[in-house]
C-alpha atoms as a PDB file:
ATOM      1  CA  MET A   1       1.852  11.771   0.255  1.00  0.00           C
ATOM      2  CA  LYS A   2      -1.166  13.900   0.955  1.00  0.00           C
ATOM      3  CA  ASN A   3      -1.700  17.174   2.770  1.00  0.00           C
ATOM      4  CA  ARG A   4      -4.531  17.512   5.257  1.00  0.00           C
ATOM      5  CA  ILE A   5      -6.821  20.513   5.054  1.00  0.00           C
ATOM      6  CA  LEU A   6      -8.392  21.383   8.399  1.00  0.00           C
ATOM      7  CA  GLU A   7     -11.956  22.682   8.776  1.00  0.00           C
ATOM      8  CA  ASN A   8     -10.772  26.304   8.633  1.00  0.00           C
ATOM      9  CA  ASN A   9      -8.662  25.510   5.518  1.00  0.00           C
ATOM     10  CA  LEU A  10      -5.443  25.638   7.524  1.00  0.00           C
ATOM     11  CA  PHE A  11      -2.640  23.164   6.888  1.00  0.00           C
ATOM     12  CA  GLY A  12      -3.024  19.992   8.948  1.00  0.00           C
ATOM     13  CA  GLY A  13       0.146  18.092   8.101  1.00  0.00           C
ATOM     14  CA  ILE A  14       1.629  15.778   5.496  1.00  0.00           C
ATOM     15  CA  TYR A  15       0.710  12.087   5.599  1.00  0.00           C
ATOM     16  CA  THR A  16       1.933   9.073   3.677  1.00  0.00           C
ATOM     17  CA  ASN A  17      -0.493   6.891   1.784  1.00  0.00           C
ATOM     18  CA  GLU A  18       0.598   4.022   4.041  1.00  0.00           C
ATOM     19  CA  PHE A  19      -0.358   5.970   7.192  1.00  0.00           C
ATOM     20  CA  LEU A  20      -3.704   6.969   5.689  1.00  0.00           C
ATOM     21  CA  GLU A  21      -4.513   3.399   4.671  1.00  0.00           C
ATOM     22  CA  ASN A  22      -3.377   1.863   7.963  1.00  0.00           C
ATOM     23  CA  ASN A  23      -5.351   4.379  10.012  1.00  0.00           C
ATOM     24  CA  LYS A  24      -8.419   4.991   7.835  1.00  0.00           C
ATOM     25  CA  ASN A  25     -10.750   3.637  10.545  1.00  0.00           C
ATOM     26  CA  ASN A  26      -8.923   5.243  13.460  1.00  0.00           C
ATOM     27  CA  ILE A  27      -9.607   8.538  15.165  1.00  0.00           C
ATOM     28  CA  VAL A  28      -6.547  10.784  14.952  1.00  0.00           C
ATOM     29  CA  ASN A  29      -6.641  14.350  16.256  1.00  0.00           C
ATOM     30  CA  GLY A  30     -10.354  14.033  16.961  1.00  0.00           C
ATOM     31  CA  LYS A  31     -11.557  12.826  13.563  1.00  0.00           C
ATOM     32  CA  ILE A  32     -11.734   9.504  11.695  1.00  0.00           C
ATOM     33  CA  VAL A  33      -8.877   9.525   9.192  1.00  0.00           C
ATOM     34  CA  SER A  34     -11.100   8.385   6.303  1.00  0.00           C
ATOM     35  CA  ASP A  35     -13.179  11.557   6.824  1.00  0.00           C
ATOM     36  CA  TRP A  36     -10.191  13.904   6.534  1.00  0.00           C
ATOM     37  CA  ASN A  37     -10.150  16.492   3.757  1.00  0.00           C
ATOM     38  CA  LEU A  38      -6.955  15.740   1.794  1.00  0.00           C
ATOM     39  CA  THR A  39      -5.169  17.147  -1.227  1.00  0.00           C
ATOM     40  CA  GLU A  40      -2.165  16.109  -3.279  1.00  0.00           C
ATOM     41  CA  VAL A  41      -1.247  19.780  -3.707  1.00  0.00           C
ATOM     42  CA  GLU A  42       2.033  20.189  -1.824  1.00  0.00           C
ATOM     43  CA  CYS A  43       2.341  22.867   0.812  1.00  0.00           C
ATOM     44  CA  SER A  44       5.538  24.937   0.735  1.00  0.00           C
ATOM     45  CA  LEU A  45       7.595  24.712   3.908  1.00  0.00           C
ATOM     46  CA  GLU A  46       8.356  28.414   3.375  1.00  0.00           C
ATOM     47  CA  LEU A  47       4.817  29.374   4.413  1.00  0.00           C
ATOM     48  CA  ILE A  48       4.421  30.354   8.062  1.00  0.00           C
ATOM     49  CA  LEU A  49       0.649  29.943   8.353  1.00  0.00           C
ATOM     50  CA  PRO A  50      -0.506  28.146   5.200  1.00  0.00           C
ATOM     51  CA  ILE A  51      -4.151  28.159   4.187  1.00  0.00           C
ATOM     52  CA  PHE A  52      -5.723  26.265   1.285  1.00  0.00           C
ATOM     53  CA  ASN A  53      -7.434  28.719  -1.039  1.00  0.00           C
ATOM     54  CA  ASN A  54      -8.799  28.000  -4.521  1.00  0.00           C
ATOM     55  CA  GLY A  55      -6.691  24.877  -4.984  1.00  0.00           C
ATOM     56  CA  GLU A  56      -3.379  26.214  -3.704  1.00  0.00           C
ATOM     57  CA  TRP A  57      -1.581  26.820  -0.428  1.00  0.00           C
ATOM     58  CA  VAL A  58      -1.085  30.519   0.313  1.00  0.00           C
ATOM     59  CA  GLU A  59       0.310  32.548   3.204  1.00  0.00           C
ATOM     60  CA  SER A  60      -2.280  33.687   5.734  1.00  0.00           C
ATOM     61  CA  ALA A  61       0.084  35.111   8.359  1.00  0.00           C
ATOM     62  CA  THR A  62      -0.086  38.866   8.897  1.00  0.00           C
ATOM     63  CA  ASP A  63       2.950  41.082   8.304  1.00  0.00           C
ATOM     64  CA  GLU A  64       3.355  41.291  12.094  1.00  0.00           C
ATOM     65  CA  GLU A  65       3.287  37.484  12.446  1.00  0.00           C
ATOM     66  CA  ILE A  66       5.838  37.123   9.648  1.00  0.00           C
ATOM     67  CA  GLN A  67       8.153  39.685  11.299  1.00  0.00           C
ATOM     68  CA  GLU A  68       7.817  37.928  14.665  1.00  0.00           C
ATOM     69  CA  HIS A  69       8.540  34.561  13.050  1.00  0.00           C
ATOM     70  CA  ASN A  70      11.623  35.933  11.270  1.00  0.00           C
ATOM     71  CA  MET A  71      12.966  37.497  14.476  1.00  0.00           C
ATOM     72  CA  THR A  72      12.442  34.212  16.344  1.00  0.00           C
ATOM     73  CA  MET A  73      14.273  32.306  13.615  1.00  0.00           C
ATOM     74  CA  GLN A  74      17.184  34.767  13.782  1.00  0.00           C
ATOM     75  CA  ARG A  75      17.384  34.318  17.566  1.00  0.00           C
ATOM     76  CA  LEU A  76      17.365  30.537  17.209  1.00  0.00           C
ATOM     77  CA  GLU A  77      20.114  30.683  14.581  1.00  0.00           C
ATOM     78  CA  ALA A  78      22.228  32.865  16.899  1.00  0.00           C
ATOM     79  CA  ILE A  79      21.714  30.426  19.798  1.00  0.00           C
ATOM     80  CA  GLU A  80      22.664  27.514  17.542  1.00  0.00           C
ATOM     81  CA  LYS A  81      25.828  29.296  16.344  1.00  0.00           C
ATOM     82  CA  ASP A  82      26.795  30.038  19.958  1.00  0.00           C
ATOM     83  CA  ALA A  83      26.262  26.397  20.924  1.00  0.00           C
ATOM     84  CA  ILE A  84      28.409  25.183  18.024  1.00  0.00           C
ATOM     85  CA  SER A  85      31.081  27.740  18.834  1.00  0.00           C
ATOM     86  CA  ASP A  86      31.071  26.689  22.513  1.00  0.00           C
ATOM     87  CA  SER A  87      31.375  23.001  21.625  1.00  0.00           C
ATOM     88  CA  ILE A  88      34.319  23.663  19.299  1.00  0.00           C
ATOM     89  CA  SER A  89      36.195  25.708  21.913  1.00  0.00           C
ATOM     90  CA  ASP A  90      35.746  23.055  24.642  1.00  0.00           C
END
């Protein structure tokens, strides 16, 4: 598994070695896969807007973006709970 680093050092996804090998000569998301900048350094799923900096993934989201993300997640959790509750009562 490798993590893609985009041109602006933002996180570009996690890819298996099999995918990378099978697609090395293909254009995916506008660039030939063999030209991608990759790292084996894992990116935490806890990060909202990860950026690769000095060999590690760090948070680049602003405090406002983090608050907005957290509020959205709380709303989604509430909707999910309501849906589960509705399905149980039916």
